[in-house]
Amino acid sequence: MILIAVIKQLSWPAGSFTSKRKREIYSSKRYPGVYELQGVPGRTKILIHAGNYHENTEGCLMPGKSWGVQADKHYYVGNSRKALSEIFSAISQSEQINVIITNEFDR
């Protein structure tokens, strides 16, 4: 199971969003060939990239194989690079994917 977590309060509604690979604009050593969610009301530059803690994002989506709450009450995701690798392997031939955001999750 792969979950995608946003370790920051969501600033957009739940829904289905298009995501396109951004090879030219967002390819860098830090985030090579990442995907960007598009059509999110009031938001731009929401990327899907690896990260484990709230310090690793400013509202982007970070995949993980597990999640939890730290002693300081911040959420984290575990095995983010592995989850991202699995996602990218599954969609490697796609230039566009659909991402569904919900406000519900199971522990």
PDB file of N, CA and C in Angstrom:
ATOM      1  N   MET A   1       0.840  -1.186   0.000  1.00  0.00           N
ATOM      2  CA  MET A   1       0.000   0.000   0.000  1.00  0.00           C
ATOM      3  C   MET A   1       0.881   1.243   0.000  1.00  0.00           C
ATOM      4  N   ILE A   2       0.527   2.182  -0.825  1.00  0.00           N
ATOM      5  CA  ILE A   2       1.232   3.460  -0.864  1.00  0.00           C
ATOM      6  C   ILE A   2       0.247   4.537  -0.472  1.00  0.00           C
ATOM      7  N   LEU A   3       0.645   5.378   0.448  1.00  0.00           N
ATOM      8  CA  LEU A   3      -0.199   6.507   0.804  1.00  0.00           C
ATOM      9  C   LEU A   3       0.551   7.777   0.443  1.00  0.00           C
ATOM     10  N   ILE A   4      -0.197   8.801   0.171  1.00  0.00           N
ATOM     11  CA  ILE A   4       0.422  10.093  -0.094  1.00  0.00           C
ATOM     12  C   ILE A   4      -0.058  11.032   0.983  1.00  0.00           C
ATOM     13  N   ALA A   5       0.868  11.669   1.643  1.00  0.00           N
ATOM     14  CA  ALA A   5       0.528  12.553   2.752  1.00  0.00           C
ATOM     15  C   ALA A   5       0.975  13.970   2.456  1.00  0.00           C
ATOM     16  N   VAL A   6       0.194  14.880   2.898  1.00  0.00           N
ATOM     17  CA  VAL A   6       0.583  16.280   2.871  1.00  0.00           C
ATOM     18  C   VAL A   6       0.802  16.654   4.322  1.00  0.00           C
ATOM     19  N   ILE A   7       2.037  16.961   4.665  1.00  0.00           N
ATOM     20  CA  ILE A   7       2.329  17.256   6.067  1.00  0.00           C
ATOM     21  C   ILE A   7       2.210  18.765   6.262  1.00  0.00           C
ATOM     22  N   LYS A   8       1.052  19.242   6.058  1.00  0.00           N
ATOM     23  CA  LYS A   8       0.691  20.640   6.240  1.00  0.00           C
ATOM     24  C   LYS A   8      -0.810  20.656   6.039  1.00  0.00           C
ATOM     25  N   GLN A   9      -1.502  21.510   6.703  1.00  0.00           N
ATOM     26  CA  GLN A   9      -2.955  21.526   6.540  1.00  0.00           C
ATOM     27  C   GLN A   9      -3.302  21.746   5.079  1.00  0.00           C
ATOM     28  N   LEU A  10      -4.196  20.915   4.574  1.00  0.00           N
ATOM     29  CA  LEU A  10      -4.599  21.056   3.177  1.00  0.00           C
ATOM     30  C   LEU A  10      -5.216  22.420   2.944  1.00  0.00           C
ATOM     31  N   SER A  11      -4.763  23.049   1.900  1.00  0.00           N
ATOM     32  CA  SER A  11      -5.313  24.360   1.574  1.00  0.00           C
ATOM     33  C   SER A  11      -6.132  24.284   0.295  1.00  0.00           C
ATOM     34  N   TRP A  12      -6.601  23.095  -0.017  1.00  0.00           N
ATOM     35  CA  TRP A  12      -7.486  22.928  -1.155  1.00  0.00           C
ATOM     36  C   TRP A  12      -8.484  21.826  -0.825  1.00  0.00           C
ATOM     37  N   PRO A  13      -9.607  21.783  -1.543  1.00  0.00           N
ATOM     38  CA  PRO A  13     -10.645  20.800  -1.235  1.00  0.00           C
ATOM     39  C   PRO A  13     -10.282  19.413  -1.754  1.00  0.00           C
ATOM     40  N   ALA A  14     -10.934  18.393  -1.196  1.00  0.00           N
ATOM     41  CA  ALA A  14     -10.790  17.042  -1.724  1.00  0.00           C
ATOM     42  C   ALA A  14     -11.340  17.028  -3.142  1.00  0.00           C
ATOM     43  N   GLY A  15     -10.849  16.125  -3.964  1.00  0.00           N
ATOM     44  CA  GLY A  15     -11.334  16.025  -5.326  1.00  0.00           C
ATOM     45  C   GLY A  15     -10.368  15.262  -6.201  1.00  0.00           C
ATOM     46  N   SER A  16     -10.649  15.228  -7.485  1.00  0.00           N
ATOM     47  CA  SER A  16      -9.810  14.560  -8.469  1.00  0.00           C
ATOM     48  C   SER A  16      -9.064  15.623  -9.260  1.00  0.00           C
ATOM     49  N   PHE A  17      -7.755  15.462  -9.362  1.00  0.00           N
ATOM     50  CA  PHE A  17      -6.925  16.459 -10.029  1.00  0.00           C
ATOM     51  C   PHE A  17      -6.021  15.796 -11.056  1.00  0.00           C
ATOM     52  N   THR A  18      -5.704  16.524 -12.106  1.00  0.00           N
ATOM     53  CA  THR A  18      -4.789  16.062 -13.132  1.00  0.00           C
ATOM     54  C   THR A  18      -3.372  16.377 -12.689  1.00  0.00           C
ATOM     55  N   SER A  19      -2.457  15.507 -13.043  1.00  0.00           N
ATOM     56  CA  SER A  19      -1.055  15.750 -12.740  1.00  0.00           C
ATOM     57  C   SER A  19      -0.243  15.439 -13.983  1.00  0.00           C
ATOM     58  N   LYS A  20       0.628  16.355 -14.360  1.00  0.00           N
ATOM     59  CA  LYS A  20       1.484  16.156 -15.523  1.00  0.00           C
ATOM     60  C   LYS A  20       2.941  16.200 -15.101  1.00  0.00           C
ATOM     61  N   ARG A  21       3.748  15.368 -15.763  1.00  0.00           N
ATOM     62  CA  ARG A  21       5.173  15.358 -15.478  1.00  0.00           C
ATOM     63  C   ARG A  21       5.778  16.685 -15.933  1.00  0.00           C
ATOM     64  N   LYS A  22       6.623  17.265 -15.099  1.00  0.00           N
ATOM     65  CA  LYS A  22       7.232  18.553 -15.398  1.00  0.00           C
ATOM     66  C   LYS A  22       8.733  18.361 -15.578  1.00  0.00           C
ATOM     67  N   ARG A  23       9.127  17.840 -16.709  1.00  0.00           N
ATOM     68  CA  ARG A  23      10.544  17.561 -16.938  1.00  0.00           C
ATOM     69  C   ARG A  23      11.370  18.832 -17.083  1.00  0.00           C
ATOM     70  N   GLU A  24      10.864  19.807 -17.763  1.00  0.00           N
ATOM     71  CA  GLU A  24      11.668  20.996 -18.033  1.00  0.00           C
ATOM     72  C   GLU A  24      11.613  22.001 -16.896  1.00  0.00           C
ATOM     73  N   ILE A  25      10.430  22.357 -16.437  1.00  0.00           N
ATOM     74  CA  ILE A  25      10.306  23.396 -15.421  1.00  0.00           C
ATOM     75  C   ILE A  25      10.787  22.918 -14.064  1.00  0.00           C
ATOM     76  N   TYR A  26      10.438  21.696 -13.662  1.00  0.00           N
ATOM     77  CA  TYR A  26      10.731  21.256 -12.303  1.00  0.00           C
ATOM     78  C   TYR A  26      11.836  20.217 -12.196  1.00  0.00           C
ATOM     79  N   SER A  27      12.497  19.865 -13.283  1.00  0.00           N
ATOM     80  CA  SER A  27      13.615  18.942 -13.167  1.00  0.00           C
ATOM     81  C   SER A  27      14.799  19.660 -12.550  1.00  0.00           C
ATOM     82  N   SER A  28      15.300  19.091 -11.494  1.00  0.00           N
ATOM     83  CA  SER A  28      16.481  19.627 -10.825  1.00  0.00           C
ATOM     84  C   SER A  28      17.153  18.472 -10.103  1.00  0.00           C
ATOM     85  N   LYS A  29      18.307  18.704  -9.531  1.00  0.00           N
ATOM     86  CA  LYS A  29      18.964  17.643  -8.768  1.00  0.00           C
ATOM     87  C   LYS A  29      18.087  17.204  -7.603  1.00  0.00           C
ATOM     88  N   ARG A  30      17.385  18.139  -7.004  1.00  0.00           N
ATOM     89  CA  ARG A  30      16.550  17.815  -5.848  1.00  0.00           C
ATOM     90  C   ARG A  30      15.254  17.104  -6.240  1.00  0.00           C
ATOM     91  N   TYR A  31      14.589  17.563  -7.304  1.00  0.00           N
ATOM     92  CA  TYR A  31      13.312  16.979  -7.740  1.00  0.00           C
ATOM     93  C   TYR A  31      13.335  16.706  -9.246  1.00  0.00           C
ATOM     94  N   PRO A  32      14.056  15.671  -9.678  1.00  0.00           N
ATOM     95  CA  PRO A  32      14.118  15.395 -11.119  1.00  0.00           C
ATOM     96  C   PRO A  32      12.831  14.767 -11.649  1.00  0.00           C
ATOM     97  N   GLY A  33      12.299  15.298 -12.743  1.00  0.00           N
ATOM     98  CA  GLY A  33      11.144  14.724 -13.421  1.00  0.00           C
ATOM     99  C   GLY A  33       9.927  14.513 -12.555  1.00  0.00           C
ATOM    100  N   VAL A  34       9.628  15.440 -11.673  1.00  0.00           N
ATOM    101  CA  VAL A  34       8.493  15.271 -10.769  1.00  0.00           C
ATOM    102  C   VAL A  34       7.174  15.607 -11.457  1.00  0.00           C
ATOM    103  N   TYR A  35       6.084  15.228 -10.814  1.00  0.00           N
ATOM    104  CA  TYR A  35       4.748  15.550 -11.302  1.00  0.00           C
ATOM    105  C   TYR A  35       4.201  16.741 -10.522  1.00  0.00           C
ATOM    106  N   GLU A  36       3.369  17.535 -11.197  1.00  0.00           N
ATOM    107  CA  GLU A  36       2.717  18.684 -10.572  1.00  0.00           C
ATOM    108  C   GLU A  36       1.211  18.514 -10.686  1.00  0.00           C
ATOM    109  N   LEU A  37       0.488  18.676  -9.571  1.00  0.00           N
ATOM    110  CA  LEU A  37      -0.971  18.678  -9.621  1.00  0.00           C
ATOM    111  C   LEU A  37      -1.430  19.963 -10.285  1.00  0.00           C
ATOM    112  N   GLN A  38      -2.439  19.859 -11.128  1.00  0.00           N
ATOM    113  CA  GLN A  38      -2.964  21.029 -11.818  1.00  0.00           C
ATOM    114  C   GLN A  38      -4.450  21.155 -11.562  1.00  0.00           C
ATOM    115  N   GLY A  39      -4.955  22.369 -11.654  1.00  0.00           N
ATOM    116  CA  GLY A  39      -6.383  22.606 -11.480  1.00  0.00           C
ATOM    117  C   GLY A  39      -6.824  22.658 -10.037  1.00  0.00           C
ATOM    118  N   VAL A  40      -5.883  22.828  -9.112  1.00  0.00           N
ATOM    119  CA  VAL A  40      -6.224  22.925  -7.695  1.00  0.00           C
ATOM    120  C   VAL A  40      -6.611  24.371  -7.410  1.00  0.00           C
ATOM    121  N   PRO A  41      -7.822  24.614  -6.910  1.00  0.00           N
ATOM    122  CA  PRO A  41      -8.270  25.988  -6.672  1.00  0.00           C
ATOM    123  C   PRO A  41      -7.323  26.767  -5.749  1.00  0.00           C
ATOM    124  N   GLY A  42      -6.847  27.897  -6.231  1.00  0.00           N
ATOM    125  CA  GLY A  42      -6.016  28.785  -5.422  1.00  0.00           C
ATOM    126  C   GLY A  42      -4.597  28.313  -5.179  1.00  0.00           C
ATOM    127  N   ARG A  43      -4.150  27.246  -5.858  1.00  0.00           N
ATOM    128  CA  ARG A  43      -2.805  26.717  -5.615  1.00  0.00           C
ATOM    129  C   ARG A  43      -2.092  26.408  -6.919  1.00  0.00           C
ATOM    130  N   THR A  44      -0.791  26.546  -6.920  1.00  0.00           N
ATOM    131  CA  THR A  44       0.058  26.130  -8.029  1.00  0.00           C
ATOM    132  C   THR A  44       1.300  25.472  -7.443  1.00  0.00           C
ATOM    133  N   LYS A  45       2.069  24.859  -8.289  1.00  0.00           N
ATOM    134  CA  LYS A  45       3.345  24.240  -7.913  1.00  0.00           C
ATOM    135  C   LYS A  45       3.211  23.216  -6.784  1.00  0.00           C
ATOM    136  N   ILE A  46       2.163  22.398  -6.836  1.00  0.00           N
ATOM    137  CA  ILE A  46       2.011  21.292  -5.891  1.00  0.00           C
ATOM    138  C   ILE A  46       2.664  20.079  -6.544  1.00  0.00           C
ATOM    139  N   LEU A  47       3.837  19.715  -6.063  1.00  0.00           N
ATOM    140  CA  LEU A  47       4.610  18.634  -6.648  1.00  0.00           C
ATOM    141  C   LEU A  47       4.418  17.340  -5.870  1.00  0.00           C
ATOM    142  N   ILE A  48       4.697  16.211  -6.520  1.00  0.00           N
ATOM    143  CA  ILE A  48       4.742  14.913  -5.854  1.00  0.00           C
ATOM    144  C   ILE A  48       6.218  14.557  -5.753  1.00  0.00           C
ATOM    145  N   HIS A  49       6.759  14.569  -4.529  1.00  0.00           N
ATOM    146  CA  HIS A  49       8.185  14.294  -4.337  1.00  0.00           C
ATOM    147  C   HIS A  49       8.414  13.590  -3.010  1.00  0.00           C
ATOM    148  N   ALA A  50       9.609  13.044  -2.830  1.00  0.00           N
ATOM    149  CA  ALA A  50       9.960  12.335  -1.596  1.00  0.00           C
ATOM    150  C   ALA A  50      10.166  13.317  -0.454  1.00  0.00           C
ATOM    151  N   GLY A  51       9.900  12.851   0.745  1.00  0.00           N
ATOM    152  CA  GLY A  51      10.111  13.626   1.962  1.00  0.00           C
ATOM    153  C   GLY A  51       9.470  12.887   3.117  1.00  0.00           C
ATOM    154  N   ASN A  52       9.933  13.152   4.315  1.00  0.00           N
ATOM    155  CA  ASN A  52       9.405  12.436   5.474  1.00  0.00           C
ATOM    156  C   ASN A  52       8.754  13.339   6.511  1.00  0.00           C
ATOM    157  N   TYR A  53       9.191  14.577   6.599  1.00  0.00           N
ATOM    158  CA  TYR A  53       8.752  15.458   7.686  1.00  0.00           C
ATOM    159  C   TYR A  53       8.196  16.767   7.145  1.00  0.00           C
ATOM    160  N   HIS A  54       7.510  17.507   7.982  1.00  0.00           N
ATOM    161  CA  HIS A  54       6.898  18.765   7.550  1.00  0.00           C
ATOM    162  C   HIS A  54       7.934  19.746   7.017  1.00  0.00           C
ATOM    163  N   GLU A  55       9.173  19.628   7.458  1.00  0.00           N
ATOM    164  CA  GLU A  55      10.219  20.518   6.952  1.00  0.00           C
ATOM    165  C   GLU A  55      10.554  20.232   5.489  1.00  0.00           C
ATOM    166  N   ASN A  56      10.123  19.083   4.979  1.00  0.00           N
ATOM    167  CA  ASN A  56      10.444  18.675   3.617  1.00  0.00           C
ATOM    168  C   ASN A  56       9.424  19.150   2.587  1.00  0.00           C
ATOM    169  N   THR A  57       8.417  19.895   3.022  1.00  0.00           N
ATOM    170  CA  THR A  57       7.389  20.317   2.075  1.00  0.00           C
ATOM    171  C   THR A  57       6.790  21.659   2.470  1.00  0.00           C
ATOM    172  N   GLU A  58       6.273  22.323   1.468  1.00  0.00           N
ATOM    173  CA  GLU A  58       5.492  23.539   1.706  1.00  0.00           C
ATOM    174  C   GLU A  58       4.102  23.336   1.125  1.00  0.00           C
ATOM    175  N   GLY A  59       3.581  22.126   1.269  1.00  0.00           N
ATOM    176  CA  GLY A  59       2.249  21.816   0.773  1.00  0.00           C
ATOM    177  C   GLY A  59       2.236  20.849  -0.389  1.00  0.00           C
ATOM    178  N   CYS A  60       3.386  20.266  -0.729  1.00  0.00           N
ATOM    179  CA  CYS A  60       3.443  19.265  -1.790  1.00  0.00           C
ATOM    180  C   CYS A  60       2.993  17.912  -1.257  1.00  0.00           C
ATOM    181  N   LEU A  61       2.817  16.962  -2.162  1.00  0.00           N
ATOM    182  CA  LEU A  61       2.426  15.608  -1.791  1.00  0.00           C
ATOM    183  C   LEU A  61       3.672  14.754  -1.619  1.00  0.00           C
ATOM    184  N   MET A  62       3.764  14.056  -0.492  1.00  0.00           N
ATOM    185  CA  MET A  62       4.904  13.187  -0.223  1.00  0.00           C
ATOM    186  C   MET A  62       4.398  11.767  -0.012  1.00  0.00           C
ATOM    187  N   PRO A  63       4.747  10.824  -0.910  1.00  0.00           N
ATOM    188  CA  PRO A  63       4.299   9.448  -0.746  1.00  0.00           C
ATOM    189  C   PRO A  63       5.063   8.755   0.370  1.00  0.00           C
ATOM    190  N   GLY A  64       4.465   7.731   0.948  1.00  0.00           N
ATOM    191  CA  GLY A  64       5.128   6.947   1.981  1.00  0.00           C
ATOM    192  C   GLY A  64       4.490   5.586   2.107  1.00  0.00           C
ATOM    193  N   LYS A  65       5.186   4.677   2.763  1.00  0.00           N
ATOM    194  CA  LYS A  65       4.682   3.334   3.006  1.00  0.00           C
ATOM    195  C   LYS A  65       4.034   3.223   4.379  1.00  0.00           C
ATOM    196  N   SER A  66       4.278   4.215   5.229  1.00  0.00           N
ATOM    197  CA  SER A  66       3.701   4.238   6.573  1.00  0.00           C
ATOM    198  C   SER A  66       3.633   5.691   7.021  1.00  0.00           C
ATOM    199  N   TRP A  67       2.963   5.914   8.143  1.00  0.00           N
ATOM    200  CA  TRP A  67       2.911   7.268   8.686  1.00  0.00           C
ATOM    201  C   TRP A  67       2.751   7.190  10.196  1.00  0.00           C
ATOM    202  N   GLY A  68       2.996   8.308  10.852  1.00  0.00           N
ATOM    203  CA  GLY A  68       2.844   8.360  12.295  1.00  0.00           C
ATOM    204  C   GLY A  68       2.909   9.795  12.784  1.00  0.00           C
ATOM    205  N   VAL A  69       2.917   9.941  14.097  1.00  0.00           N
ATOM    206  CA  VAL A  69       2.978  11.259  14.720  1.00  0.00           C
ATOM    207  C   VAL A  69       4.212  11.291  15.617  1.00  0.00           C
ATOM    208  N   GLN A  70       5.030  12.308  15.441  1.00  0.00           N
ATOM    209  CA  GLN A  70       6.229  12.473  16.254  1.00  0.00           C
ATOM    210  C   GLN A  70       5.867  13.018  17.634  1.00  0.00           C
ATOM    211  N   ALA A  71       6.840  13.017  18.532  1.00  0.00           N
ATOM    212  CA  ALA A  71       6.632  13.542  19.886  1.00  0.00           C
ATOM    213  C   ALA A  71       6.213  15.007  19.870  1.00  0.00           C
ATOM    214  N   ASP A  72       6.675  15.759  18.861  1.00  0.00           N
ATOM    215  CA  ASP A  72       6.321  17.181  18.774  1.00  0.00           C
ATOM    216  C   ASP A  72       4.972  17.403  18.087  1.00  0.00           C
ATOM    217  N   LYS A  73       4.206  16.321  17.899  1.00  0.00           N
ATOM    218  CA  LYS A  73       2.846  16.348  17.331  1.00  0.00           C
ATOM    219  C   LYS A  73       2.807  16.548  15.821  1.00  0.00           C
ATOM    220  N   HIS A  74       3.955  16.578  15.155  1.00  0.00           N
ATOM    221  CA  HIS A  74       3.976  16.687  13.701  1.00  0.00           C
ATOM    222  C   HIS A  74       3.875  15.293  13.083  1.00  0.00           C
ATOM    223  N   TYR A  75       3.184  15.215  11.955  1.00  0.00           N
ATOM    224  CA  TYR A  75       3.067  13.959  11.236  1.00  0.00           C
ATOM    225  C   TYR A  75       4.335  13.685  10.436  1.00  0.00           C
ATOM    226  N   TYR A  76       4.557  12.406  10.117  1.00  0.00           N
ATOM    227  CA  TYR A  76       5.650  12.025   9.237  1.00  0.00           C
ATOM    228  C   TYR A  76       5.186  10.860   8.373  1.00  0.00           C
ATOM    229  N   VAL A  77       5.863  10.649   7.248  1.00  0.00           N
ATOM    230  CA  VAL A  77       5.648   9.464   6.426  1.00  0.00           C
ATOM    231  C   VAL A  77       6.958   8.694   6.381  1.00  0.00           C
ATOM    232  N   GLY A  78       6.858   7.373   6.318  1.00  0.00           N
ATOM    233  CA  GLY A  78       8.040   6.524   6.282  1.00  0.00           C
ATOM    234  C   GLY A  78       8.269   5.926   4.906  1.00  0.00           C
ATOM    235  N   ASN A  79       9.524   5.628   4.603  1.00  0.00           N
ATOM    236  CA  ASN A  79       9.915   5.000   3.333  1.00  0.00           C
ATOM    237  C   ASN A  79       9.410   5.772   2.121  1.00  0.00           C
ATOM    238  N   SER A  80       9.578   7.076   2.160  1.00  0.00           N
ATOM    239  CA  SER A  80       9.065   7.932   1.096  1.00  0.00           C
ATOM    240  C   SER A  80       9.750   7.670  -0.244  1.00  0.00           C
ATOM    241  N   ARG A  81      11.060   7.532  -0.251  1.00  0.00           N
ATOM    242  CA  ARG A  81      11.763   7.300  -1.526  1.00  0.00           C
ATOM    243  C   ARG A  81      11.331   5.982  -2.167  1.00  0.00           C
ATOM    244  N   LYS A  82      11.140   4.954  -1.352  1.00  0.00           N
ATOM    245  CA  LYS A  82      10.684   3.663  -1.874  1.00  0.00           C
ATOM    246  C   LYS A  82       9.289   3.799  -2.475  1.00  0.00           C
ATOM    247  N   ALA A  83       8.390   4.466  -1.776  1.00  0.00           N
ATOM    248  CA  ALA A  83       7.026   4.658  -2.279  1.00  0.00           C
ATOM    249  C   ALA A  83       7.033   5.480  -3.565  1.00  0.00           C
ATOM    250  N   LEU A  84       7.836   6.537  -3.604  1.00  0.00           N
ATOM    251  CA  LEU A  84       7.920   7.374  -4.803  1.00  0.00           C
ATOM    252  C   LEU A  84       8.459   6.558  -5.978  1.00  0.00           C
ATOM    253  N   SER A  85       9.464   5.740  -5.725  1.00  0.00           N
ATOM    254  CA  SER A  85      10.024   4.886  -6.766  1.00  0.00           C
ATOM    255  C   SER A  85       8.969   3.918  -7.304  1.00  0.00           C
ATOM    256  N   GLU A  86       8.168   3.335  -6.425  1.00  0.00           N
ATOM    257  CA  GLU A  86       7.102   2.425  -6.847  1.00  0.00           C
ATOM    258  C   GLU A  86       6.051   3.154  -7.684  1.00  0.00           C
ATOM    259  N   ILE A  87       5.694   4.346  -7.261  1.00  0.00           N
ATOM    260  CA  ILE A  87       4.715   5.137  -8.014  1.00  0.00           C
ATOM    261  C   ILE A  87       5.265   5.469  -9.389  1.00  0.00           C
ATOM    262  N   PHE A  88       6.486   5.987  -9.436  1.00  0.00           N
ATOM    263  CA  PHE A  88       7.067   6.384 -10.714  1.00  0.00           C
ATOM    264  C   PHE A  88       7.264   5.180 -11.634  1.00  0.00           C
ATOM    265  N   SER A  89       7.594   4.006 -11.086  1.00  0.00           N
ATOM    266  CA  SER A  89       7.709   2.798 -11.911  1.00  0.00           C
ATOM    267  C   SER A  89       6.359   2.436 -12.521  1.00  0.00           C
ATOM    268  N   ALA A  90       5.307   2.554 -11.735  1.00  0.00           N
ATOM    269  CA  ALA A  90       3.962   2.202 -12.204  1.00  0.00           C
ATOM    270  C   ALA A  90       3.448   3.164 -13.269  1.00  0.00           C
ATOM    271  N   ILE A  91       3.870   4.409 -13.216  1.00  0.00           N
ATOM    272  CA  ILE A  91       3.343   5.417 -14.149  1.00  0.00           C
ATOM    273  C   ILE A  91       4.422   5.967 -15.075  1.00  0.00           C
ATOM    274  N   SER A  92       5.534   5.247 -15.210  1.00  0.00           N
ATOM    275  CA  SER A  92       6.694   5.771 -15.939  1.00  0.00           C
ATOM    276  C   SER A  92       6.412   6.122 -17.394  1.00  0.00           C
ATOM    277  N   GLN A  93       5.463   5.481 -18.012  1.00  0.00           N
ATOM    278  CA  GLN A  93       5.157   5.771 -19.410  1.00  0.00           C
ATOM    279  C   GLN A  93       4.068   6.828 -19.570  1.00  0.00           C
ATOM    280  N   SER A  94       3.550   7.336 -18.463  1.00  0.00           N
ATOM    281  CA  SER A  94       2.448   8.297 -18.507  1.00  0.00           C
ATOM    282  C   SER A  94       2.961   9.724 -18.389  1.00  0.00           C
ATOM    283  N   GLU A  95       2.472  10.570 -19.240  1.00  0.00           N
ATOM    284  CA  GLU A  95       2.776  11.996 -19.125  1.00  0.00           C
ATOM    285  C   GLU A  95       1.744  12.690 -18.250  1.00  0.00           C
ATOM    286  N   GLN A  96       0.591  12.033 -18.056  1.00  0.00           N
ATOM    287  CA  GLN A  96      -0.477  12.618 -17.247  1.00  0.00           C
ATOM    288  C   GLN A  96      -1.132  11.521 -16.419  1.00  0.00           C
ATOM    289  N   ILE A  97      -1.430  11.828 -15.159  1.00  0.00           N
ATOM    290  CA  ILE A  97      -2.134  10.901 -14.275  1.00  0.00           C
ATOM    291  C   ILE A  97      -3.245  11.664 -13.567  1.00  0.00           C
ATOM    292  N   ASN A  98      -4.196  10.943 -12.991  1.00  0.00           N
ATOM    293  CA  ASN A  98      -5.227  11.559 -12.162  1.00  0.00           C
ATOM    294  C   ASN A  98      -4.941  11.209 -10.710  1.00  0.00           C
ATOM    295  N   VAL A  99      -5.006  12.195  -9.839  1.00  0.00           N
ATOM    296  CA  VAL A  99      -4.758  12.019  -8.409  1.00  0.00           C
ATOM    297  C   VAL A  99      -6.044  12.370  -7.678  1.00  0.00           C
ATOM    298  N   ILE A 100      -6.494  11.473  -6.809  1.00  0.00           N
ATOM    299  CA  ILE A 100      -7.707  11.711  -6.032  1.00  0.00           C
ATOM    300  C   ILE A 100      -7.304  12.020  -4.601  1.00  0.00           C
ATOM    301  N   ILE A 101      -7.724  13.181  -4.106  1.00  0.00           N
ATOM    302  CA  ILE A 101      -7.442  13.625  -2.742  1.00  0.00           C
ATOM    303  C   ILE A 101      -8.712  13.440  -1.920  1.00  0.00           C
ATOM    304  N   THR A 102      -8.600  12.754  -0.785  1.00  0.00           N
ATOM    305  CA  THR A 102      -9.735  12.606   0.120  1.00  0.00           C
ATOM    306  C   THR A 102      -9.353  13.149   1.487  1.00  0.00           C
ATOM    307  N   ASN A 103     -10.337  13.369   2.299  1.00  0.00           N
ATOM    308  CA  ASN A 103     -10.105  13.840   3.661  1.00  0.00           C
ATOM    309  C   ASN A 103     -10.243  12.698   4.666  1.00  0.00           C
ATOM    310  N   GLU A 104     -10.237  11.464   4.184  1.00  0.00           N
ATOM    311  CA  GLU A 104     -10.413  10.303   5.047  1.00  0.00           C
ATOM    312  C   GLU A 104      -9.219   9.378   4.895  1.00  0.00           C
ATOM    313  N   PHE A 105      -8.829   8.743   5.991  1.00  0.00           N
ATOM    314  CA  PHE A 105      -7.760   7.760   5.935  1.00  0.00           C
ATOM    315  C   PHE A 105      -7.915   6.780   7.084  1.00  0.00           C
ATOM    316  N   ASP A 106      -7.323   5.609   6.908  1.00  0.00           N
ATOM    317  CA  ASP A 106      -7.331   4.571   7.944  1.00  0.00           C
ATOM    318  C   ASP A 106      -5.932   4.443   8.507  1.00  0.00           C
ATOM    319  N   ARG A 107      -5.840   4.199   9.765  1.00  0.00           N
ATOM    320  CA  ARG A 107      -4.543   4.017  10.429  1.00  0.00           C
ATOM    321  C   ARG A 107      -4.072   2.617  10.181  1.00  0.00           C
TER     322      ARG A 107
END
